[in-house]
Amino acid sequence: MKDSENIIVKLTFEFALEIIEYCEILEANKRFVIANQLLKSGTLIGANVREAQNAESKNDFIHKFKIAAKEIEETIYWLDLCSMSKNYPECSSLKDQIQIISKIINKIIISSKTK
């Protein structure tokens, strides 16, 4: 299966692109610390998903997806801070997207463990 046909690879890549755009807005508003943290965690989700596509074993595949799940939790934390802080740009679309990604990744982890 090509990466373009793999829904989770596609979703996490598109999410990373949107995180980059959002972080550019944060940086333009001098929110450098949050932008840096969010940029790292938000793009590492897709990086780990992509890396899992060439895992050396089933356990390695699961491990990479578990790392992606951890990055999701960190990204949700930074997005929650942005959404609850005064004078931060709106990010509800990103929060909706990451919830969908989280559900898919958790299902992949669960189904990979039972196979």
PDB file of N, CA and C in Angstrom:
ATOM      1  N   MET A   1       0.841  -1.185   0.000  1.00  0.00           N
ATOM      2  CA  MET A   1       0.000   0.000   0.000  1.00  0.00           C
ATOM      3  C   MET A   1       0.883   1.245   0.000  1.00  0.00           C
ATOM      4  N   LYS A   2       0.609   2.146  -0.882  1.00  0.00           N
ATOM      5  CA  LYS A   2       1.357   3.400  -0.955  1.00  0.00           C
ATOM      6  C   LYS A   2       0.935   4.309   0.193  1.00  0.00           C
ATOM      7  N   ASP A   3       1.862   5.191   0.616  1.00  0.00           N
ATOM      8  CA  ASP A   3       1.546   6.124   1.693  1.00  0.00           C
ATOM      9  C   ASP A   3       0.319   6.962   1.373  1.00  0.00           C
ATOM     10  N   SER A   4       0.139   7.318   0.089  1.00  0.00           N
ATOM     11  CA  SER A   4      -1.004   8.145  -0.291  1.00  0.00           C
ATOM     12  C   SER A   4      -2.323   7.399  -0.108  1.00  0.00           C
ATOM     13  N   GLU A   5      -2.278   6.055  -0.067  1.00  0.00           N
ATOM     14  CA  GLU A   5      -3.474   5.250   0.134  1.00  0.00           C
ATOM     15  C   GLU A   5      -3.686   4.901   1.611  1.00  0.00           C
ATOM     16  N   ASN A   6      -2.708   5.178   2.432  1.00  0.00           N
ATOM     17  CA  ASN A   6      -2.766   4.857   3.852  1.00  0.00           C
ATOM     18  C   ASN A   6      -3.383   6.047   4.590  1.00  0.00           C
ATOM     19  N   ILE A   7      -4.601   5.863   5.078  1.00  0.00           N
ATOM     20  CA  ILE A   7      -5.372   6.979   5.646  1.00  0.00           C
ATOM     21  C   ILE A   7      -4.673   7.632   6.836  1.00  0.00           C
ATOM     22  N   ILE A   8      -4.062   6.860   7.720  1.00  0.00           N
ATOM     23  CA  ILE A   8      -3.445   7.471   8.901  1.00  0.00           C
ATOM     24  C   ILE A   8      -2.168   8.229   8.518  1.00  0.00           C
ATOM     25  N   VAL A   9      -1.427   7.730   7.538  1.00  0.00           N
ATOM     26  CA  VAL A   9      -0.252   8.459   7.052  1.00  0.00           C
ATOM     27  C   VAL A   9      -0.712   9.780   6.439  1.00  0.00           C
ATOM     28  N   LYS A  10      -1.769   9.724   5.641  1.00  0.00           N
ATOM     29  CA  LYS A  10      -2.306  10.921   4.988  1.00  0.00           C
ATOM     30  C   LYS A  10      -2.829  11.927   6.015  1.00  0.00           C
ATOM     31  N   LEU A  11      -3.628  11.458   6.977  1.00  0.00           N
ATOM     32  CA  LEU A  11      -4.204  12.358   7.980  1.00  0.00           C
ATOM     33  C   LEU A  11      -3.141  13.021   8.845  1.00  0.00           C
ATOM     34  N   THR A  12      -2.141  12.260   9.254  1.00  0.00           N
ATOM     35  CA  THR A  12      -1.109  12.833  10.123  1.00  0.00           C
ATOM     36  C   THR A  12      -0.210  13.802   9.359  1.00  0.00           C
ATOM     37  N   PHE A  13       0.009  13.544   8.065  1.00  0.00           N
ATOM     38  CA  PHE A  13       0.795  14.464   7.246  1.00  0.00           C
ATOM     39  C   PHE A  13       0.044  15.775   7.053  1.00  0.00           C
ATOM     40  N   GLU A  14      -1.240  15.676   6.723  1.00  0.00           N
ATOM     41  CA  GLU A  14      -2.057  16.883   6.548  1.00  0.00           C
ATOM     42  C   GLU A  14      -2.165  17.662   7.861  1.00  0.00           C
ATOM     43  N   PHE A  15      -2.296  16.942   8.979  1.00  0.00           N
ATOM     44  CA  PHE A  15      -2.352  17.594  10.290  1.00  0.00           C
ATOM     45  C   PHE A  15      -1.043  18.344  10.560  1.00  0.00           C
ATOM     46  N   ALA A  16       0.086  17.720  10.253  1.00  0.00           N
ATOM     47  CA  ALA A  16       1.384  18.367  10.469  1.00  0.00           C
ATOM     48  C   ALA A  16       1.493  19.662   9.661  1.00  0.00           C
ATOM     49  N   LEU A  17       1.003  19.641   8.445  1.00  0.00           N
ATOM     50  CA  LEU A  17       1.030  20.854   7.630  1.00  0.00           C
ATOM     51  C   LEU A  17       0.187  21.967   8.263  1.00  0.00           C
ATOM     52  N   GLU A  18      -0.958  21.601   8.810  1.00  0.00           N
ATOM     53  CA  GLU A  18      -1.810  22.601   9.462  1.00  0.00           C
ATOM     54  C   GLU A  18      -1.195  23.093  10.769  1.00  0.00           C
ATOM     55  N   ILE A  19      -0.511  22.213  11.485  1.00  0.00           N
ATOM     56  CA  ILE A  19       0.201  22.619  12.704  1.00  0.00           C
ATOM     57  C   ILE A  19       1.287  23.633  12.352  1.00  0.00           C
ATOM     58  N   ILE A  20       2.005  23.393  11.259  1.00  0.00           N
ATOM     59  CA  ILE A  20       3.044  24.328  10.822  1.00  0.00           C
ATOM     60  C   ILE A  20       2.430  25.702  10.573  1.00  0.00           C
ATOM     61  N   GLU A  21       1.319  25.743   9.864  1.00  0.00           N
ATOM     62  CA  GLU A  21       0.656  27.022   9.583  1.00  0.00           C
ATOM     63  C   GLU A  21       0.206  27.714  10.870  1.00  0.00           C
ATOM     64  N   TYR A  22      -0.374  26.949  11.788  1.00  0.00           N
ATOM     65  CA  TYR A  22      -0.841  27.519  13.053  1.00  0.00           C
ATOM     66  C   TYR A  22       0.346  28.056  13.861  1.00  0.00           C
ATOM     67  N   CYS A  23       1.437  27.317  13.881  1.00  0.00           N
ATOM     68  CA  CYS A  23       2.614  27.755  14.635  1.00  0.00           C
ATOM     69  C   CYS A  23       3.238  29.004  14.017  1.00  0.00           C
ATOM     70  N   GLU A  24       3.145  29.149  12.717  1.00  0.00           N
ATOM     71  CA  GLU A  24       3.619  30.387  12.083  1.00  0.00           C
ATOM     72  C   GLU A  24       2.801  31.584  12.561  1.00  0.00           C
ATOM     73  N   ILE A  25       1.508  31.377  12.746  1.00  0.00           N
ATOM     74  CA  ILE A  25       0.648  32.447  13.286  1.00  0.00           C
ATOM     75  C   ILE A  25       1.053  32.751  14.728  1.00  0.00           C
ATOM     76  N   LEU A  26       1.293  31.693  15.513  1.00  0.00           N
ATOM     77  CA  LEU A  26       1.735  31.907  16.898  1.00  0.00           C
ATOM     78  C   LEU A  26       3.041  32.687  16.938  1.00  0.00           C
ATOM     79  N   GLU A  27       3.982  32.316  16.093  1.00  0.00           N
ATOM     80  CA  GLU A  27       5.272  33.012  16.068  1.00  0.00           C
ATOM     81  C   GLU A  27       5.117  34.470  15.645  1.00  0.00           C
ATOM     82  N   ALA A  28       4.220  34.728  14.698  1.00  0.00           N
ATOM     83  CA  ALA A  28       3.970  36.112  14.265  1.00  0.00           C
ATOM     84  C   ALA A  28       3.406  36.943  15.421  1.00  0.00           C
ATOM     85  N   ASN A  29       2.720  36.252  16.354  1.00  0.00           N
ATOM     86  CA  ASN A  29       2.165  36.914  17.535  1.00  0.00           C
ATOM     87  C   ASN A  29       3.087  36.801  18.752  1.00  0.00           C
ATOM     88  N   LYS A  30       4.327  36.425  18.501  1.00  0.00           N
ATOM     89  CA  LYS A  30       5.371  36.328  19.536  1.00  0.00           C
ATOM     90  C   LYS A  30       5.043  35.325  20.640  1.00  0.00           C
ATOM     91  N   ARG A  31       4.403  34.244  20.263  1.00  0.00           N
ATOM     92  CA  ARG A  31       4.107  33.138  21.186  1.00  0.00           C
ATOM     93  C   ARG A  31       5.098  32.009  20.892  1.00  0.00           C
ATOM     94  N   PHE A  32       6.390  32.332  21.033  1.00  0.00           N
ATOM     95  CA  PHE A  32       7.456  31.455  20.577  1.00  0.00           C
ATOM     96  C   PHE A  32       7.549  30.135  21.335  1.00  0.00           C
ATOM     97  N   VAL A  33       7.414  30.152  22.637  1.00  0.00           N
ATOM     98  CA  VAL A  33       7.576  28.933  23.440  1.00  0.00           C
ATOM     99  C   VAL A  33       6.491  27.922  23.095  1.00  0.00           C
ATOM    100  N   ILE A  34       5.246  28.368  23.093  1.00  0.00           N
ATOM    101  CA  ILE A  34       4.134  27.475  22.762  1.00  0.00           C
ATOM    102  C   ILE A  34       4.262  27.000  21.319  1.00  0.00           C
ATOM    103  N   ALA A  35       4.599  27.905  20.403  1.00  0.00           N
ATOM    104  CA  ALA A  35       4.751  27.534  18.992  1.00  0.00           C
ATOM    105  C   ALA A  35       5.798  26.439  18.830  1.00  0.00           C
ATOM    106  N   ASN A  36       6.909  26.573  19.520  1.00  0.00           N
ATOM    107  CA  ASN A  36       7.991  25.592  19.420  1.00  0.00           C
ATOM    108  C   ASN A  36       7.550  24.222  19.944  1.00  0.00           C
ATOM    109  N   GLN A  37       6.921  24.214  21.103  1.00  0.00           N
ATOM    110  CA  GLN A  37       6.477  22.943  21.700  1.00  0.00           C
ATOM    111  C   GLN A  37       5.412  22.270  20.829  1.00  0.00           C
ATOM    112  N   LEU A  38       4.452  23.059  20.373  1.00  0.00           N
ATOM    113  CA  LEU A  38       3.368  22.527  19.549  1.00  0.00           C
ATOM    114  C   LEU A  38       3.889  22.038  18.202  1.00  0.00           C
ATOM    115  N   LEU A  39       4.823  22.765  17.628  1.00  0.00           N
ATOM    116  CA  LEU A  39       5.401  22.357  16.353  1.00  0.00           C
ATOM    117  C   LEU A  39       6.091  20.999  16.477  1.00  0.00           C
ATOM    118  N   LYS A  40       6.839  20.816  17.550  1.00  0.00           N
ATOM    119  CA  LYS A  40       7.543  19.548  17.759  1.00  0.00           C
ATOM    120  C   LYS A  40       6.562  18.387  17.931  1.00  0.00           C
ATOM    121  N   SER A  41       5.667  18.513  18.884  1.00  0.00           N
ATOM    122  CA  SER A  41       4.762  17.395  19.163  1.00  0.00           C
ATOM    123  C   SER A  41       3.785  17.141  18.014  1.00  0.00           C
ATOM    124  N   GLY A  42       3.293  18.207  17.402  1.00  0.00           N
ATOM    125  CA  GLY A  42       2.307  18.049  16.335  1.00  0.00           C
ATOM    126  C   GLY A  42       2.852  17.433  15.060  1.00  0.00           C
ATOM    127  N   THR A  43       4.136  17.640  14.800  1.00  0.00           N
ATOM    128  CA  THR A  43       4.726  17.044  13.601  1.00  0.00           C
ATOM    129  C   THR A  43       5.332  15.669  13.880  1.00  0.00           C
ATOM    130  N   LEU A  44       5.682  15.397  15.122  1.00  0.00           N
ATOM    131  CA  LEU A  44       6.248  14.087  15.460  1.00  0.00           C
ATOM    132  C   LEU A  44       5.219  12.960  15.370  1.00  0.00           C
ATOM    133  N   ILE A  45       3.951  13.291  15.463  1.00  0.00           N
ATOM    134  CA  ILE A  45       2.910  12.268  15.314  1.00  0.00           C
ATOM    135  C   ILE A  45       3.072  11.590  13.955  1.00  0.00           C
ATOM    136  N   GLY A  46       3.044  12.397  12.911  1.00  0.00           N
ATOM    137  CA  GLY A  46       3.165  11.856  11.556  1.00  0.00           C
ATOM    138  C   GLY A  46       4.513  11.226  11.285  1.00  0.00           C
ATOM    139  N   ALA A  47       5.566  11.790  11.869  1.00  0.00           N
ATOM    140  CA  ALA A  47       6.900  11.224  11.673  1.00  0.00           C
ATOM    141  C   ALA A  47       6.966   9.801  12.220  1.00  0.00           C
ATOM    142  N   ASN A  48       6.375   9.576  13.384  1.00  0.00           N
ATOM    143  CA  ASN A  48       6.378   8.238  13.966  1.00  0.00           C
ATOM    144  C   ASN A  48       5.472   7.280  13.205  1.00  0.00           C
ATOM    145  N   VAL A  49       4.338   7.771  12.735  1.00  0.00           N
ATOM    146  CA  VAL A  49       3.447   6.941  11.915  1.00  0.00           C
ATOM    147  C   VAL A  49       4.164   6.538  10.631  1.00  0.00           C
ATOM    148  N   ARG A  50       4.838   7.481  10.005  1.00  0.00           N
ATOM    149  CA  ARG A  50       5.575   7.192   8.773  1.00  0.00           C
ATOM    150  C   ARG A  50       6.689   6.186   9.046  1.00  0.00           C
ATOM    151  N   GLU A  51       7.398   6.374  10.152  1.00  0.00           N
ATOM    152  CA  GLU A  51       8.482   5.459  10.503  1.00  0.00           C
ATOM    153  C   GLU A  51       7.951   4.050  10.756  1.00  0.00           C
ATOM    154  N   ALA A  52       6.767   3.948  11.330  1.00  0.00           N
ATOM    155  CA  ALA A  52       6.169   2.638  11.616  1.00  0.00           C
ATOM    156  C   ALA A  52       5.884   1.847  10.343  1.00  0.00           C
ATOM    157  N   GLN A  53       5.751   2.531   9.228  1.00  0.00           N
ATOM    158  CA  GLN A  53       5.465   1.854   7.964  1.00  0.00           C
ATOM    159  C   GLN A  53       6.620   0.952   7.528  1.00  0.00           C
ATOM    160  N   ASN A  54       7.788   1.192   8.084  1.00  0.00           N
ATOM    161  CA  ASN A  54       8.968   0.367   7.786  1.00  0.00           C
ATOM    162  C   ASN A  54       9.520  -0.278   9.049  1.00  0.00           C
ATOM    163  N   ALA A  55       8.626  -0.615   9.956  1.00  0.00           N
ATOM    164  CA  ALA A  55       9.044  -1.222  11.226  1.00  0.00           C
ATOM    165  C   ALA A  55       9.749  -2.553  10.977  1.00  0.00           C
ATOM    166  N   GLU A  56      10.658  -2.887  11.877  1.00  0.00           N
ATOM    167  CA  GLU A  56      11.429  -4.119  11.764  1.00  0.00           C
ATOM    168  C   GLU A  56      10.652  -5.338  12.246  1.00  0.00           C
ATOM    169  N   SER A  57       9.636  -5.094  13.064  1.00  0.00           N
ATOM    170  CA  SER A  57       8.837  -6.197  13.601  1.00  0.00           C
ATOM    171  C   SER A  57       7.473  -5.660  14.023  1.00  0.00           C
ATOM    172  N   LYS A  58       6.597  -6.574  14.387  1.00  0.00           N
ATOM    173  CA  LYS A  58       5.280  -6.174  14.890  1.00  0.00           C
ATOM    174  C   LYS A  58       5.426  -5.335  16.163  1.00  0.00           C
ATOM    175  N   ASN A  59       6.321  -5.752  17.047  1.00  0.00           N
ATOM    176  CA  ASN A  59       6.544  -4.999  18.285  1.00  0.00           C
ATOM    177  C   ASN A  59       7.093  -3.607  18.003  1.00  0.00           C
ATOM    178  N   ASP A  60       7.970  -3.494  17.027  1.00  0.00           N
ATOM    179  CA  ASP A  60       8.518  -2.195  16.634  1.00  0.00           C
ATOM    180  C   ASP A  60       7.404  -1.309  16.069  1.00  0.00           C
ATOM    181  N   PHE A  61       6.531  -1.891  15.249  1.00  0.00           N
ATOM    182  CA  PHE A  61       5.388  -1.177  14.682  1.00  0.00           C
ATOM    183  C   PHE A  61       4.505  -0.621  15.801  1.00  0.00           C
ATOM    184  N   ILE A  62       4.162  -1.469  16.757  1.00  0.00           N
ATOM    185  CA  ILE A  62       3.316  -1.053  17.882  1.00  0.00           C
ATOM    186  C   ILE A  62       4.010   0.032  18.693  1.00  0.00           C
ATOM    187  N   HIS A  63       5.303  -0.151  18.934  1.00  0.00           N
ATOM    188  CA  HIS A  63       6.064   0.830  19.713  1.00  0.00           C
ATOM    189  C   HIS A  63       6.037   2.214  19.057  1.00  0.00           C
ATOM    190  N   LYS A  64       6.222   2.261  17.753  1.00  0.00           N
ATOM    191  CA  LYS A  64       6.211   3.547  17.046  1.00  0.00           C
ATOM    192  C   LYS A  64       4.833   4.207  17.122  1.00  0.00           C
ATOM    193  N   PHE A  65       3.779   3.403  17.045  1.00  0.00           N
ATOM    194  CA  PHE A  65       2.435   3.954  17.178  1.00  0.00           C
ATOM    195  C   PHE A  65       2.163   4.415  18.611  1.00  0.00           C
ATOM    196  N   LYS A  66       2.746   3.736  19.596  1.00  0.00           N
ATOM    197  CA  LYS A  66       2.599   4.192  20.981  1.00  0.00           C
ATOM    198  C   LYS A  66       3.304   5.525  21.195  1.00  0.00           C
ATOM    199  N   ILE A  67       4.437   5.715  20.548  1.00  0.00           N
ATOM    200  CA  ILE A  67       5.121   7.016  20.622  1.00  0.00           C
ATOM    201  C   ILE A  67       4.246   8.085  19.979  1.00  0.00           C
ATOM    202  N   ALA A  68       3.645   7.759  18.839  1.00  0.00           N
ATOM    203  CA  ALA A  68       2.732   8.705  18.180  1.00  0.00           C
ATOM    204  C   ALA A  68       1.578   9.060  19.118  1.00  0.00           C
ATOM    205  N   ALA A  69       1.049   8.067  19.852  1.00  0.00           N
ATOM    206  CA  ALA A  69      -0.050   8.312  20.794  1.00  0.00           C
ATOM    207  C   ALA A  69       0.392   9.264  21.914  1.00  0.00           C
ATOM    208  N   LYS A  70       1.621   9.120  22.374  1.00  0.00           N
ATOM    209  CA  LYS A  70       2.144  10.033  23.394  1.00  0.00           C
ATOM    210  C   LYS A  70       2.261  11.449  22.850  1.00  0.00           C
ATOM    211  N   GLU A  71       2.725  11.563  21.619  1.00  0.00           N
ATOM    212  CA  GLU A  71       2.832  12.883  20.990  1.00  0.00           C
ATOM    213  C   GLU A  71       1.453  13.510  20.803  1.00  0.00           C
ATOM    214  N   ILE A  72       0.459  12.689  20.541  1.00  0.00           N
ATOM    215  CA  ILE A  72      -0.920  13.182  20.437  1.00  0.00           C
ATOM    216  C   ILE A  72      -1.346  13.810  21.760  1.00  0.00           C
ATOM    217  N   GLU A  73      -1.090  13.138  22.845  1.00  0.00           N
ATOM    218  CA  GLU A  73      -1.477  13.667  24.158  1.00  0.00           C
ATOM    219  C   GLU A  73      -0.788  14.992  24.447  1.00  0.00           C
ATOM    220  N   GLU A  74       0.492  15.084  24.096  1.00  0.00           N
ATOM    221  CA  GLU A  74       1.200  16.346  24.313  1.00  0.00           C
ATOM    222  C   GLU A  74       0.625  17.453  23.423  1.00  0.00           C
ATOM    223  N   THR A  75       0.327  17.109  22.184  1.00  0.00           N
ATOM    224  CA  THR A  75      -0.242  18.089  21.255  1.00  0.00           C
ATOM    225  C   THR A  75      -1.595  18.576  21.746  1.00  0.00           C
ATOM    226  N   ILE A  76      -2.410  17.666  22.245  1.00  0.00           N
ATOM    227  CA  ILE A  76      -3.721  18.049  22.807  1.00  0.00           C
ATOM    228  C   ILE A  76      -3.522  19.022  23.966  1.00  0.00           C
ATOM    229  N   TYR A  77      -2.533  18.766  24.801  1.00  0.00           N
ATOM    230  CA  TYR A  77      -2.239  19.663  25.924  1.00  0.00           C
ATOM    231  C   TYR A  77      -1.946  21.081  25.427  1.00  0.00           C
ATOM    232  N   TRP A  78      -1.048  21.209  24.431  1.00  0.00           N
ATOM    233  CA  TRP A  78      -0.682  22.539  23.924  1.00  0.00           C
ATOM    234  C   TRP A  78      -1.876  23.203  23.240  1.00  0.00           C
ATOM    235  N   LEU A  79      -2.669  22.421  22.498  1.00  0.00           N
ATOM    236  CA  LEU A  79      -3.855  23.001  21.857  1.00  0.00           C
ATOM    237  C   LEU A  79      -4.884  23.448  22.891  1.00  0.00           C
ATOM    238  N   ASP A  80      -5.034  22.675  23.974  1.00  0.00           N
ATOM    239  CA  ASP A  80      -5.941  23.083  25.055  1.00  0.00           C
ATOM    240  C   ASP A  80      -5.479  24.399  25.675  1.00  0.00           C
ATOM    241  N   LEU A  81      -4.175  24.522  25.894  1.00  0.00           N
ATOM    242  CA  LEU A  81      -3.650  25.780  26.434  1.00  0.00           C
ATOM    243  C   LEU A  81      -3.958  26.937  25.498  1.00  0.00           C
ATOM    244  N   CYS A  82      -3.743  26.726  24.205  1.00  0.00           N
ATOM    245  CA  CYS A  82      -4.022  27.787  23.227  1.00  0.00           C
ATOM    246  C   CYS A  82      -5.492  28.156  23.221  1.00  0.00           C
ATOM    247  N   SER A  83      -6.360  27.159  23.277  1.00  0.00           N
ATOM    248  CA  SER A  83      -7.792  27.449  23.201  1.00  0.00           C
ATOM    249  C   SER A  83      -8.314  28.112  24.477  1.00  0.00           C
ATOM    250  N   MET A  84      -7.650  27.899  25.599  1.00  0.00           N
ATOM    251  CA  MET A  84      -8.105  28.464  26.867  1.00  0.00           C
ATOM    252  C   MET A  84      -7.410  29.775  27.224  1.00  0.00           C
ATOM    253  N   SER A  85      -6.363  30.124  26.487  1.00  0.00           N
ATOM    254  CA  SER A  85      -5.611  31.346  26.774  1.00  0.00           C
ATOM    255  C   SER A  85      -6.194  32.532  26.017  1.00  0.00           C
ATOM    256  N   LYS A  86      -6.146  33.665  26.654  1.00  0.00           N
ATOM    257  CA  LYS A  86      -6.622  34.895  26.010  1.00  0.00           C
ATOM    258  C   LYS A  86      -5.652  35.293  24.902  1.00  0.00           C
ATOM    259  N   ASN A  87      -6.185  35.862  23.856  1.00  0.00           N
ATOM    260  CA  ASN A  87      -5.405  36.425  22.757  1.00  0.00           C
ATOM    261  C   ASN A  87      -4.609  35.397  21.952  1.00  0.00           C
ATOM    262  N   TYR A  88      -5.061  34.144  21.957  1.00  0.00           N
ATOM    263  CA  TYR A  88      -4.449  33.118  21.117  1.00  0.00           C
ATOM    264  C   TYR A  88      -5.392  32.817  19.964  1.00  0.00           C
ATOM    265  N   PRO A  89      -4.852  32.513  18.791  1.00  0.00           N
ATOM    266  CA  PRO A  89      -5.722  32.224  17.648  1.00  0.00           C
ATOM    267  C   PRO A  89      -6.568  30.967  17.870  1.00  0.00           C
ATOM    268  N   GLU A  90      -7.704  30.945  17.251  1.00  0.00           N
ATOM    269  CA  GLU A  90      -8.662  29.845  17.361  1.00  0.00           C
ATOM    270  C   GLU A  90      -8.039  28.566  16.800  1.00  0.00           C
ATOM    271  N   CYS A  91      -8.267  27.431  17.474  1.00  0.00           N
ATOM    272  CA  CYS A  91      -7.661  26.167  17.043  1.00  0.00           C
ATOM    273  C   CYS A  91      -8.628  24.987  17.132  1.00  0.00           C
ATOM    274  N   SER A  92      -9.922  25.240  17.109  1.00  0.00           N
ATOM    275  CA  SER A  92     -10.894  24.145  17.268  1.00  0.00           C
ATOM    276  C   SER A  92     -10.813  23.131  16.138  1.00  0.00           C
ATOM    277  N   SER A  93     -10.489  23.567  14.938  1.00  0.00           N
ATOM    278  CA  SER A  93     -10.349  22.634  13.815  1.00  0.00           C
ATOM    279  C   SER A  93      -9.206  21.645  14.068  1.00  0.00           C
ATOM    280  N   LEU A  94      -8.098  22.152  14.584  1.00  0.00           N
ATOM    281  CA  LEU A  94      -6.969  21.277  14.922  1.00  0.00           C
ATOM    282  C   LEU A  94      -7.350  20.291  16.020  1.00  0.00           C
ATOM    283  N   LYS A  95      -8.100  20.766  17.005  1.00  0.00           N
ATOM    284  CA  LYS A  95      -8.526  19.886  18.093  1.00  0.00           C
ATOM    285  C   LYS A  95      -9.459  18.790  17.578  1.00  0.00           C
ATOM    286  N   ASP A  96     -10.324  19.130  16.642  1.00  0.00           N
ATOM    287  CA  ASP A  96     -11.210  18.122  16.045  1.00  0.00           C
ATOM    288  C   ASP A  96     -10.398  17.092  15.264  1.00  0.00           C
ATOM    289  N   GLN A  97      -9.453  17.561  14.494  1.00  0.00           N
ATOM    290  CA  GLN A  97      -8.632  16.651  13.688  1.00  0.00           C
ATOM    291  C   GLN A  97      -7.827  15.693  14.552  1.00  0.00           C
ATOM    292  N   ILE A  98      -7.256  16.208  15.624  1.00  0.00           N
ATOM    293  CA  ILE A  98      -6.398  15.343  16.447  1.00  0.00           C
ATOM    294  C   ILE A  98      -7.225  14.291  17.188  1.00  0.00           C
ATOM    295  N   GLN A  99      -8.476  14.597  17.488  1.00  0.00           N
ATOM    296  CA  GLN A  99      -9.338  13.589  18.124  1.00  0.00           C
ATOM    297  C   GLN A  99      -9.586  12.423  17.172  1.00  0.00           C
ATOM    298  N   ILE A 100      -9.808  12.719  15.911  1.00  0.00           N
ATOM    299  CA  ILE A 100     -10.005  11.667  14.900  1.00  0.00           C
ATOM    300  C   ILE A 100      -8.732  10.842  14.752  1.00  0.00           C
ATOM    301  N   ILE A 101      -7.600  11.519  14.646  1.00  0.00           N
ATOM    302  CA  ILE A 101      -6.305  10.835  14.516  1.00  0.00           C
ATOM    303  C   ILE A 101      -6.057   9.951  15.731  1.00  0.00           C
ATOM    304  N   SER A 102      -6.350  10.454  16.915  1.00  0.00           N
ATOM    305  CA  SER A 102      -6.148   9.696  18.147  1.00  0.00           C
ATOM    306  C   SER A 102      -6.967   8.409  18.149  1.00  0.00           C
ATOM    307  N   LYS A 103      -8.221   8.495  17.752  1.00  0.00           N
ATOM    308  CA  LYS A 103      -9.075   7.301  17.709  1.00  0.00           C
ATOM    309  C   LYS A 103      -8.528   6.261  16.749  1.00  0.00           C
ATOM    310  N   ILE A 104      -8.083   6.697  15.579  1.00  0.00           N
ATOM    311  CA  ILE A 104      -7.540   5.758  14.589  1.00  0.00           C
ATOM    312  C   ILE A 104      -6.261   5.113  15.105  1.00  0.00           C
ATOM    313  N   ILE A 105      -5.372   5.911  15.658  1.00  0.00           N
ATOM    314  CA  ILE A 105      -4.100   5.373  16.153  1.00  0.00           C
ATOM    315  C   ILE A 105      -4.332   4.391  17.297  1.00  0.00           C
ATOM    316  N   ASN A 106      -5.234   4.725  18.201  1.00  0.00           N
ATOM    317  CA  ASN A 106      -5.517   3.798  19.302  1.00  0.00           C
ATOM    318  C   ASN A 106      -6.124   2.492  18.799  1.00  0.00           C
ATOM    319  N   LYS A 107      -6.970   2.556  17.769  1.00  0.00           N
ATOM    320  CA  LYS A 107      -7.526   1.334  17.183  1.00  0.00           C
ATOM    321  C   LYS A 107      -6.443   0.505  16.509  1.00  0.00           C
ATOM    322  N   ILE A 108      -5.508   1.175  15.847  1.00  0.00           N
ATOM    323  CA  ILE A 108      -4.387   0.460  15.213  1.00  0.00           C
ATOM    324  C   ILE A 108      -3.544  -0.249  16.269  1.00  0.00           C
ATOM    325  N   ILE A 109      -3.263   0.426  17.368  1.00  0.00           N
ATOM    326  CA  ILE A 109      -2.484  -0.189  18.450  1.00  0.00           C
ATOM    327  C   ILE A 109      -3.213  -1.414  19.001  1.00  0.00           C
ATOM    328  N   ILE A 110      -4.497  -1.259  19.307  1.00  0.00           N
ATOM    329  CA  ILE A 110      -5.278  -2.354  19.882  1.00  0.00           C
ATOM    330  C   ILE A 110      -5.367  -3.540  18.918  1.00  0.00           C
ATOM    331  N   SER A 111      -5.678  -3.254  17.658  1.00  0.00           N
ATOM    332  CA  SER A 111      -5.820  -4.347  16.697  1.00  0.00           C
ATOM    333  C   SER A 111      -4.478  -5.014  16.393  1.00  0.00           C
ATOM    334  N   SER A 112      -3.400  -4.256  16.440  1.00  0.00           N
ATOM    335  CA  SER A 112      -2.077  -4.844  16.199  1.00  0.00           C
ATOM    336  C   SER A 112      -1.657  -5.767  17.336  1.00  0.00           C
ATOM    337  N   LYS A 113      -2.085  -5.458  18.545  1.00  0.00           N
ATOM    338  CA  LYS A 113      -1.748  -6.307  19.691  1.00  0.00           C
ATOM    339  C   LYS A 113      -2.516  -7.627  19.661  1.00  0.00           C
ATOM    340  N   THR A 114      -3.716  -7.616  19.098  1.00  0.00           N
ATOM    341  CA  THR A 114      -4.545  -8.821  19.124  1.00  0.00           C
ATOM    342  C   THR A 114      -4.292  -9.761  17.946  1.00  0.00           C
ATOM    343  N   LYS A 115      -3.573  -9.291  16.940  1.00  0.00           N
ATOM    344  CA  LYS A 115      -3.296 -10.128  15.761  1.00  0.00           C
ATOM    345  C   LYS A 115      -2.165 -11.076  16.022  1.00  0.00           C
TER     346      LYS A 115
END
